[in-house]
Amino acid sequence: MKSSNGMTKEDLKKIEQIDKDINLLIESQKKLDESINEYKKEIEKIDSTISNIKVKKEVVNNYYEQKGKEIKDADVTQVDSLLRLRYKF
């Protein structure tokens, strides 16, 4: 039997089921989008931590490079003094 729009009840049920399936997919996509956003936030935190570590590493490298130059340019007394301060002997 056909309805007034020319579709059978079976066709209408199929369309309703397709609509339900589409709505389920839309909800699933929303959940996936939320998860993706959470992962992006975590990635941003990790990237920030990595950047901070790189900056600290550069500061430490500069410090030791400077100390190396100081020792290279220092005389025996200055080196002895630096070692005594460093190793407390």
PDB file of N, CA and C in Angstrom:
ATOM      1  N   MET A   1       0.834  -1.174   0.000  1.00  0.00           N
ATOM      2  CA  MET A   1       0.000   0.000   0.000  1.00  0.00           C
ATOM      3  C   MET A   1       0.887   1.249   0.000  1.00  0.00           C
ATOM      4  N   LYS A   2       0.527   2.203  -0.800  1.00  0.00           N
ATOM      5  CA  LYS A   2       1.315   3.428  -0.923  1.00  0.00           C
ATOM      6  C   LYS A   2       0.679   4.551  -0.123  1.00  0.00           C
ATOM      7  N   SER A   3       1.545   5.391   0.451  1.00  0.00           N
ATOM      8  CA  SER A   3       1.043   6.548   1.182  1.00  0.00           C
ATOM      9  C   SER A   3       0.790   7.688   0.204  1.00  0.00           C
ATOM     10  N   SER A   4       0.368   8.815   0.726  1.00  0.00           N
ATOM     11  CA  SER A   4       0.013   9.938  -0.132  1.00  0.00           C
ATOM     12  C   SER A   4       1.218  10.504  -0.896  1.00  0.00           C
ATOM     13  N   ASN A   5       2.436  10.288  -0.405  1.00  0.00           N
ATOM     14  CA  ASN A   5       3.607  10.809  -1.113  1.00  0.00           C
ATOM     15  C   ASN A   5       4.186   9.781  -2.074  1.00  0.00           C
ATOM     16  N   GLY A   6       3.502   8.668  -2.259  1.00  0.00           N
ATOM     17  CA  GLY A   6       3.938   7.678  -3.222  1.00  0.00           C
ATOM     18  C   GLY A   6       4.906   6.652  -2.671  1.00  0.00           C
ATOM     19  N   MET A   7       5.167   6.629  -1.361  1.00  0.00           N
ATOM     20  CA  MET A   7       6.090   5.674  -0.754  1.00  0.00           C
ATOM     21  C   MET A   7       5.306   4.613   0.004  1.00  0.00           C
ATOM     22  N   THR A   8       5.881   3.430   0.027  1.00  0.00           N
ATOM     23  CA  THR A   8       5.266   2.368   0.807  1.00  0.00           C
ATOM     24  C   THR A   8       5.678   2.513   2.262  1.00  0.00           C
ATOM     25  N   LYS A   9       4.939   1.831   3.137  1.00  0.00           N
ATOM     26  CA  LYS A   9       5.279   1.860   4.562  1.00  0.00           C
ATOM     27  C   LYS A   9       6.681   1.296   4.778  1.00  0.00           C
ATOM     28  N   GLU A  10       7.042   0.322   3.979  1.00  0.00           N
ATOM     29  CA  GLU A  10       8.376  -0.278   4.076  1.00  0.00           C
ATOM     30  C   GLU A  10       9.450   0.747   3.736  1.00  0.00           C
ATOM     31  N   ASP A  11       9.211   1.536   2.693  1.00  0.00           N
ATOM     32  CA  ASP A  11      10.159   2.592   2.321  1.00  0.00           C
ATOM     33  C   ASP A  11      10.292   3.619   3.440  1.00  0.00           C
ATOM     34  N   LEU A  12       9.173   3.991   4.031  1.00  0.00           N
ATOM     35  CA  LEU A  12       9.199   4.966   5.126  1.00  0.00           C
ATOM     36  C   LEU A  12       9.978   4.416   6.325  1.00  0.00           C
ATOM     37  N   LYS A  13       9.797   3.120   6.635  1.00  0.00           N
ATOM     38  CA  LYS A  13      10.547   2.512   7.735  1.00  0.00           C
ATOM     39  C   LYS A  13      12.044   2.522   7.440  1.00  0.00           C
ATOM     40  N   LYS A  14      12.392   2.237   6.193  1.00  0.00           N
ATOM     41  CA  LYS A  14      13.813   2.269   5.806  1.00  0.00           C
ATOM     42  C   LYS A  14      14.384   3.669   5.975  1.00  0.00           C
ATOM     43  N   ILE A  15      13.623   4.655   5.559  1.00  0.00           N
ATOM     44  CA  ILE A  15      14.079   6.053   5.698  1.00  0.00           C
ATOM     45  C   ILE A  15      14.224   6.417   7.169  1.00  0.00           C
ATOM     46  N   GLU A  16      13.269   5.998   7.999  1.00  0.00           N
ATOM     47  CA  GLU A  16      13.363   6.270   9.436  1.00  0.00           C
ATOM     48  C   GLU A  16      14.611   5.616  10.030  1.00  0.00           C
ATOM     49  N   GLN A  17      14.883   4.385   9.612  1.00  0.00           N
ATOM     50  CA  GLN A  17      16.065   3.688  10.116  1.00  0.00           C
ATOM     51  C   GLN A  17      17.343   4.397   9.664  1.00  0.00           C
ATOM     52  N   ILE A  18      17.362   4.847   8.428  1.00  0.00           N
ATOM     53  CA  ILE A  18      18.527   5.593   7.927  1.00  0.00           C
ATOM     54  C   ILE A  18      18.713   6.872   8.732  1.00  0.00           C
ATOM     55  N   ASP A  19      17.616   7.563   9.035  1.00  0.00           N
ATOM     56  CA  ASP A  19      17.693   8.776   9.859  1.00  0.00           C
ATOM     57  C   ASP A  19      18.257   8.467  11.248  1.00  0.00           C
ATOM     58  N   LYS A  20      17.802   7.364  11.835  1.00  0.00           N
ATOM     59  CA  LYS A  20      18.319   6.964  13.153  1.00  0.00           C
ATOM     60  C   LYS A  20      19.810   6.650  13.059  1.00  0.00           C
ATOM     61  N   ASP A  21      20.197   5.944  12.010  1.00  0.00           N
ATOM     62  CA  ASP A  21      21.616   5.615  11.826  1.00  0.00           C
ATOM     63  C   ASP A  21      22.456   6.869  11.644  1.00  0.00           C
ATOM     64  N   ILE A  22      21.930   7.809  10.884  1.00  0.00           N
ATOM     65  CA  ILE A  22      22.654   9.081  10.675  1.00  0.00           C
ATOM     66  C   ILE A  22      22.810   9.807  12.000  1.00  0.00           C
ATOM     67  N   ASN A  23      21.762   9.854  12.801  1.00  0.00           N
ATOM     68  CA  ASN A  23      21.838  10.524  14.103  1.00  0.00           C
ATOM     69  C   ASN A  23      22.843   9.843  15.026  1.00  0.00           C
ATOM     70  N   LEU A  24      22.895   8.513  14.983  1.00  0.00           N
ATOM     71  CA  LEU A  24      23.888   7.788  15.777  1.00  0.00           C
ATOM     72  C   LEU A  24      25.305   8.135  15.319  1.00  0.00           C
ATOM     73  N   LEU A  25      25.488   8.217  14.014  1.00  0.00           N
ATOM     74  CA  LEU A  25      26.806   8.580  13.487  1.00  0.00           C
ATOM     75  C   LEU A  25      27.193  10.005  13.892  1.00  0.00           C
ATOM     76  N   ILE A  26      26.218  10.895  13.872  1.00  0.00           N
ATOM     77  CA  ILE A  26      26.487  12.286  14.272  1.00  0.00           C
ATOM     78  C   ILE A  26      26.910  12.326  15.741  1.00  0.00           C
ATOM     79  N   GLU A  27      26.216  11.587  16.596  1.00  0.00           N
ATOM     80  CA  GLU A  27      26.575  11.545  18.017  1.00  0.00           C
ATOM     81  C   GLU A  27      27.963  10.931  18.211  1.00  0.00           C
ATOM     82  N   SER A  28      28.239   9.881  17.466  1.00  0.00           N
ATOM     83  CA  SER A  28      29.565   9.262  17.552  1.00  0.00           C
ATOM     84  C   SER A  28      30.648  10.245  17.121  1.00  0.00           C
ATOM     85  N   GLN A  29      30.378  10.998  16.075  1.00  0.00           N
ATOM     86  CA  GLN A  29      31.350  11.990  15.595  1.00  0.00           C
ATOM     87  C   GLN A  29      31.577  13.071  16.635  1.00  0.00           C
ATOM     88  N   LYS A  30      30.514  13.487  17.319  1.00  0.00           N
ATOM     89  CA  LYS A  30      30.659  14.500  18.373  1.00  0.00           C
ATOM     90  C   LYS A  30      31.563  13.982  19.495  1.00  0.00           C
ATOM     91  N   LYS A  31      31.355  12.712  19.880  1.00  0.00           N
ATOM     92  CA  LYS A  31      32.191  12.128  20.933  1.00  0.00           C
ATOM     93  C   LYS A  31      33.648  12.042  20.484  1.00  0.00           C
ATOM     94  N   LEU A  32      33.840  11.659  19.224  1.00  0.00           N
ATOM     95  CA  LEU A  32      35.211  11.595  18.694  1.00  0.00           C
ATOM     96  C   LEU A  32      35.854  12.979  18.676  1.00  0.00           C
ATOM     97  N   ASP A  33      35.085  13.979  18.281  1.00  0.00           N
ATOM     98  CA  ASP A  33      35.605  15.349  18.264  1.00  0.00           C
ATOM     99  C   ASP A  33      36.009  15.801  19.663  1.00  0.00           C
ATOM    100  N   GLU A  34      35.194  15.439  20.665  1.00  0.00           N
ATOM    101  CA  GLU A  34      35.531  15.797  22.047  1.00  0.00           C
ATOM    102  C   GLU A  34      36.824  15.111  22.481  1.00  0.00           C
ATOM    103  N   SER A  35      36.958  13.845  22.115  1.00  0.00           N
ATOM    104  CA  SER A  35      38.187  13.116  22.453  1.00  0.00           C
ATOM    105  C   SER A  35      39.394  13.740  21.773  1.00  0.00           C
ATOM    106  N   ILE A  36      39.232  14.097  20.521  1.00  0.00           N
ATOM    107  CA  ILE A  36      40.325  14.724  19.774  1.00  0.00           C
ATOM    108  C   ILE A  36      40.734  16.025  20.443  1.00  0.00           C
ATOM    109  N   ASN A  37      39.762  16.811  20.877  1.00  0.00           N
ATOM    110  CA  ASN A  37      40.071  18.076  21.550  1.00  0.00           C
ATOM    111  C   ASN A  37      40.823  17.842  22.853  1.00  0.00           C
ATOM    112  N   GLU A  38      40.454  16.801  23.599  1.00  0.00           N
ATOM    113  CA  GLU A  38      41.177  16.475  24.829  1.00  0.00           C
ATOM    114  C   GLU A  38      42.618  16.076  24.518  1.00  0.00           C
ATOM    115  N   TYR A  39      42.796  15.270  23.482  1.00  0.00           N
ATOM    116  CA  TYR A  39      44.154  14.868  23.090  1.00  0.00           C
ATOM    117  C   TYR A  39      44.969  16.080  22.644  1.00  0.00           C
ATOM    118  N   LYS A  40      44.339  16.994  21.933  1.00  0.00           N
ATOM    119  CA  LYS A  40      45.046  18.209  21.501  1.00  0.00           C
ATOM    120  C   LYS A  40      45.517  19.013  22.710  1.00  0.00           C
ATOM    121  N   LYS A  41      44.680  19.091  23.740  1.00  0.00           N
ATOM    122  CA  LYS A  41      45.074  19.816  24.957  1.00  0.00           C
ATOM    123  C   LYS A  41      46.280  19.142  25.611  1.00  0.00           C
ATOM    124  N   GLU A  42      46.256  17.821  25.669  1.00  0.00           N
ATOM    125  CA  GLU A  42      47.379  17.083  26.253  1.00  0.00           C
ATOM    126  C   GLU A  42      48.653  17.298  25.427  1.00  0.00           C
ATOM    127  N   ILE A  43      48.509  17.293  24.117  1.00  0.00           N
ATOM    128  CA  ILE A  43      49.662  17.508  23.233  1.00  0.00           C
ATOM    129  C   ILE A  43      50.239  18.898  23.455  1.00  0.00           C
ATOM    130  N   GLU A  44      49.366  19.897  23.625  1.00  0.00           N
ATOM    131  CA  GLU A  44      49.837  21.259  23.894  1.00  0.00           C
ATOM    132  C   GLU A  44      50.627  21.316  25.203  1.00  0.00           C
ATOM    133  N   LYS A  45      50.139  20.605  26.232  1.00  0.00           N
ATOM    134  CA  LYS A  45      50.864  20.572  27.515  1.00  0.00           C
ATOM    135  C   LYS A  45      52.239  19.934  27.333  1.00  0.00           C
ATOM    136  N   ILE A  46      52.274  18.821  26.605  1.00  0.00           N
ATOM    137  CA  ILE A  46      53.540  18.129  26.376  1.00  0.00           C
ATOM    138  C   ILE A  46      54.487  19.007  25.570  1.00  0.00           C
ATOM    139  N   ASP A  47      53.970  19.677  24.536  1.00  0.00           N
ATOM    140  CA  ASP A  47      54.804  20.576  23.733  1.00  0.00           C
ATOM    141  C   ASP A  47      55.374  21.704  24.588  1.00  0.00           C
ATOM    142  N   SER A  48      54.559  22.228  25.488  1.00  0.00           N
ATOM    143  CA  SER A  48      55.017  23.292  26.379  1.00  0.00           C
ATOM    144  C   SER A  48      56.128  22.785  27.294  1.00  0.00           C
ATOM    145  N   THR A  49      55.950  21.589  27.818  1.00  0.00           N
ATOM    146  CA  THR A  49      56.975  20.990  28.684  1.00  0.00           C
ATOM    147  C   THR A  49      58.275  20.785  27.911  1.00  0.00           C
ATOM    148  N   ILE A  50      58.161  20.294  26.692  1.00  0.00           N
ATOM    149  CA  ILE A  50      59.348  20.081  25.860  1.00  0.00           C
ATOM    150  C   ILE A  50      60.046  21.408  25.589  1.00  0.00           C
ATOM    151  N   SER A  51      59.286  22.444  25.294  1.00  0.00           N
ATOM    152  CA  SER A  51      59.881  23.764  25.044  1.00  0.00           C
ATOM    153  C   SER A  51      60.620  24.266  26.273  1.00  0.00           C
ATOM    154  N   ASN A  52      60.006  24.087  27.439  1.00  0.00           N
ATOM    155  CA  ASN A  52      60.659  24.517  28.686  1.00  0.00           C
ATOM    156  C   ASN A  52      61.952  23.751  28.917  1.00  0.00           C
ATOM    157  N   ILE A  53      61.930  22.471  28.646  1.00  0.00           N
ATOM    158  CA  ILE A  53      63.140  21.660  28.813  1.00  0.00           C
ATOM    159  C   ILE A  53      64.235  22.130  27.863  1.00  0.00           C
ATOM    160  N   LYS A  54      63.861  22.447  26.629  1.00  0.00           N
ATOM    161  CA  LYS A  54      64.854  22.925  25.652  1.00  0.00           C
ATOM    162  C   LYS A  54      65.490  24.229  26.122  1.00  0.00           C
ATOM    163  N   VAL A  55      64.667  25.123  26.670  1.00  0.00           N
ATOM    164  CA  VAL A  55      65.194  26.404  27.162  1.00  0.00           C
ATOM    165  C   VAL A  55      66.144  26.158  28.327  1.00  0.00           C
ATOM    166  N   LYS A  56      65.732  25.305  29.260  1.00  0.00           N
ATOM    167  CA  LYS A  56      66.586  25.014  30.419  1.00  0.00           C
ATOM    168  C   LYS A  56      67.882  24.342  29.979  1.00  0.00           C
ATOM    169  N   LYS A  57      67.789  23.458  29.013  1.00  0.00           N
ATOM    170  CA  LYS A  57      68.984  22.781  28.508  1.00  0.00           C
ATOM    171  C   LYS A  57      69.944  23.799  27.900  1.00  0.00           C
ATOM    172  N   GLU A  58      69.395  24.750  27.167  1.00  0.00           N
ATOM    173  CA  GLU A  58      70.241  25.775  26.551  1.00  0.00           C
ATOM    174  C   GLU A  58      70.915  26.632  27.620  1.00  0.00           C
ATOM    175  N   VAL A  59      70.179  26.972  28.669  1.00  0.00           N
ATOM    176  CA  VAL A  59      70.744  27.771  29.766  1.00  0.00           C
ATOM    177  C   VAL A  59      71.888  27.006  30.427  1.00  0.00           C
ATOM    178  N   VAL A  60      71.659  25.717  30.697  1.00  0.00           N
ATOM    179  CA  VAL A  60      72.706  24.901  31.332  1.00  0.00           C
ATOM    180  C   VAL A  60      73.918  24.780  30.405  1.00  0.00           C
ATOM    181  N   ASN A  61      73.666  24.540  29.123  1.00  0.00           N
ATOM    182  CA  ASN A  61      74.780  24.445  28.169  1.00  0.00           C
ATOM    183  C   ASN A  61      75.587  25.737  28.129  1.00  0.00           C
ATOM    184  N   ASN A  62      74.899  26.863  28.126  1.00  0.00           N
ATOM    185  CA  ASN A  62      75.589  28.156  28.113  1.00  0.00           C
ATOM    186  C   ASN A  62      76.411  28.351  29.387  1.00  0.00           C
ATOM    187  N   TYR A  63      75.834  27.946  30.511  1.00  0.00           N
ATOM    188  CA  TYR A  63      76.540  28.078  31.786  1.00  0.00           C
ATOM    189  C   TYR A  63      77.847  27.283  31.744  1.00  0.00           C
ATOM    190  N   TYR A  64      77.754  26.017  31.330  1.00  0.00           N
ATOM    191  CA  TYR A  64      78.957  25.181  31.327  1.00  0.00           C
ATOM    192  C   TYR A  64      79.946  25.599  30.239  1.00  0.00           C
ATOM    193  N   GLU A  65      79.441  26.129  29.165  1.00  0.00           N
ATOM    194  CA  GLU A  65      80.350  26.648  28.133  1.00  0.00           C
ATOM    195  C   GLU A  65      81.119  27.843  28.686  1.00  0.00           C
ATOM    196  N   GLN A  66      80.413  28.704  29.419  1.00  0.00           N
ATOM    197  CA  GLN A  66      81.054  29.869  30.028  1.00  0.00           C
ATOM    198  C   GLN A  66      82.073  29.424  31.070  1.00  0.00           C
ATOM    199  N   LYS A  67      81.716  28.452  31.905  1.00  0.00           N
ATOM    200  CA  LYS A  67      82.645  27.964  32.919  1.00  0.00           C
ATOM    201  C   LYS A  67      83.865  27.323  32.268  1.00  0.00           C
ATOM    202  N   GLY A  68      83.638  26.613  31.157  1.00  0.00           N
ATOM    203  CA  GLY A  68      84.757  26.000  30.440  1.00  0.00           C
ATOM    204  C   GLY A  68      85.721  27.058  29.928  1.00  0.00           C
ATOM    205  N   LYS A  69      85.176  28.148  29.415  1.00  0.00           N
ATOM    206  CA  LYS A  69      86.028  29.239  28.923  1.00  0.00           C
ATOM    207  C   LYS A  69      86.784  29.885  30.080  1.00  0.00           C
ATOM    208  N   GLU A  70      86.101  30.037  31.226  1.00  0.00           N
ATOM    209  CA  GLU A  70      86.752  30.631  32.391  1.00  0.00           C
ATOM    210  C   GLU A  70      87.938  29.778  32.825  1.00  0.00           C
ATOM    211  N   ILE A  71      87.749  28.475  32.859  1.00  0.00           N
ATOM    212  CA  ILE A  71      88.840  27.578  33.276  1.00  0.00           C
ATOM    213  C   ILE A  71      89.963  27.597  32.241  1.00  0.00           C
ATOM    214  N   LYS A  72      89.585  27.629  30.980  1.00  0.00           N
ATOM    215  CA  LYS A  72      90.598  27.641  29.908  1.00  0.00           C
ATOM    216  C   LYS A  72      91.458  28.902  29.994  1.00  0.00           C
ATOM    217  N   ASP A  73      90.835  30.025  30.338  1.00  0.00           N
ATOM    218  CA  ASP A  73      91.559  31.299  30.402  1.00  0.00           C
ATOM    219  C   ASP A  73      92.166  31.580  31.778  1.00  0.00           C
ATOM    220  N   ALA A  74      91.860  30.735  32.752  1.00  0.00           N
ATOM    221  CA  ALA A  74      92.313  30.988  34.122  1.00  0.00           C
ATOM    222  C   ALA A  74      93.755  30.491  34.314  1.00  0.00           C
ATOM    223  N   ASP A  75      94.405  31.096  35.292  1.00  0.00           N
ATOM    224  CA  ASP A  75      95.743  30.600  35.639  1.00  0.00           C
ATOM    225  C   ASP A  75      95.598  29.485  36.684  1.00  0.00           C
ATOM    226  N   VAL A  76      96.705  28.910  37.088  1.00  0.00           N
ATOM    227  CA  VAL A  76      96.698  27.753  37.990  1.00  0.00           C
ATOM    228  C   VAL A  76      96.010  28.079  39.306  1.00  0.00           C
ATOM    229  N   THR A  77      96.255  29.236  39.853  1.00  0.00           N
ATOM    230  CA  THR A  77      95.663  29.619  41.135  1.00  0.00           C
ATOM    231  C   THR A  77      94.136  29.721  41.022  1.00  0.00           C
ATOM    232  N   GLN A  78      93.662  30.308  39.931  1.00  0.00           N
ATOM    233  CA  GLN A  78      92.218  30.449  39.741  1.00  0.00           C
ATOM    234  C   GLN A  78      91.551  29.078  39.540  1.00  0.00           C
ATOM    235  N   VAL A  79      92.189  28.202  38.787  1.00  0.00           N
ATOM    236  CA  VAL A  79      91.647  26.851  38.584  1.00  0.00           C
ATOM    237  C   VAL A  79      91.600  26.113  39.913  1.00  0.00           C
ATOM    238  N   ASP A  80      92.678  26.225  40.693  1.00  0.00           N
ATOM    239  CA  ASP A  80      92.719  25.584  42.001  1.00  0.00           C
ATOM    240  C   ASP A  80      91.596  26.105  42.888  1.00  0.00           C
ATOM    241  N   SER A  81      91.377  27.394  42.866  1.00  0.00           N
ATOM    242  CA  SER A  81      90.326  28.007  43.668  1.00  0.00           C
ATOM    243  C   SER A  81      88.941  27.520  43.218  1.00  0.00           C
ATOM    244  N   LEU A  82      88.725  27.467  41.906  1.00  0.00           N
ATOM    245  CA  LEU A  82      87.440  26.981  41.381  1.00  0.00           C
ATOM    246  C   LEU A  82      87.183  25.528  41.785  1.00  0.00           C
ATOM    247  N   LEU A  83      88.219  24.702  41.708  1.00  0.00           N
ATOM    248  CA  LEU A  83      88.060  23.293  42.067  1.00  0.00           C
ATOM    249  C   LEU A  83      87.797  23.136  43.566  1.00  0.00           C
ATOM    250  N   ARG A  84      88.471  23.947  44.374  1.00  0.00           N
ATOM    251  CA  ARG A  84      88.248  23.879  45.833  1.00  0.00           C
ATOM    252  C   ARG A  84      86.807  24.272  46.162  1.00  0.00           C
ATOM    253  N   LEU A  85      86.286  25.323  45.512  1.00  0.00           N
ATOM    254  CA  LEU A  85      84.910  25.723  45.752  1.00  0.00           C
ATOM    255  C   LEU A  85      83.933  24.662  45.278  1.00  0.00           C
ATOM    256  N   ARG A  86      84.217  24.107  44.131  1.00  0.00           N
ATOM    257  CA  ARG A  86      83.309  23.126  43.532  1.00  0.00           C
ATOM    258  C   ARG A  86      83.277  21.842  44.331  1.00  0.00           C
ATOM    259  N   TYR A  87      84.412  21.326  44.691  1.00  0.00           N
ATOM    260  CA  TYR A  87      84.477  20.024  45.346  1.00  0.00           C
ATOM    261  C   TYR A  87      84.723  20.101  46.845  1.00  0.00           C
ATOM    262  N   LYS A  88      84.773  21.303  47.365  1.00  0.00           N
ATOM    263  CA  LYS A  88      84.847  21.568  48.820  1.00  0.00           C
ATOM    264  C   LYS A  88      85.959  20.774  49.503  1.00  0.00           C
ATOM    265  N   PHE A  89      87.155  20.936  49.012  1.00  0.00           N
ATOM    266  CA  PHE A  89      88.312  20.268  49.663  1.00  0.00           C
ATOM    267  C   PHE A  89      89.386  21.267  49.960  1.00  0.00           C
TER     268      PHE A  89
END
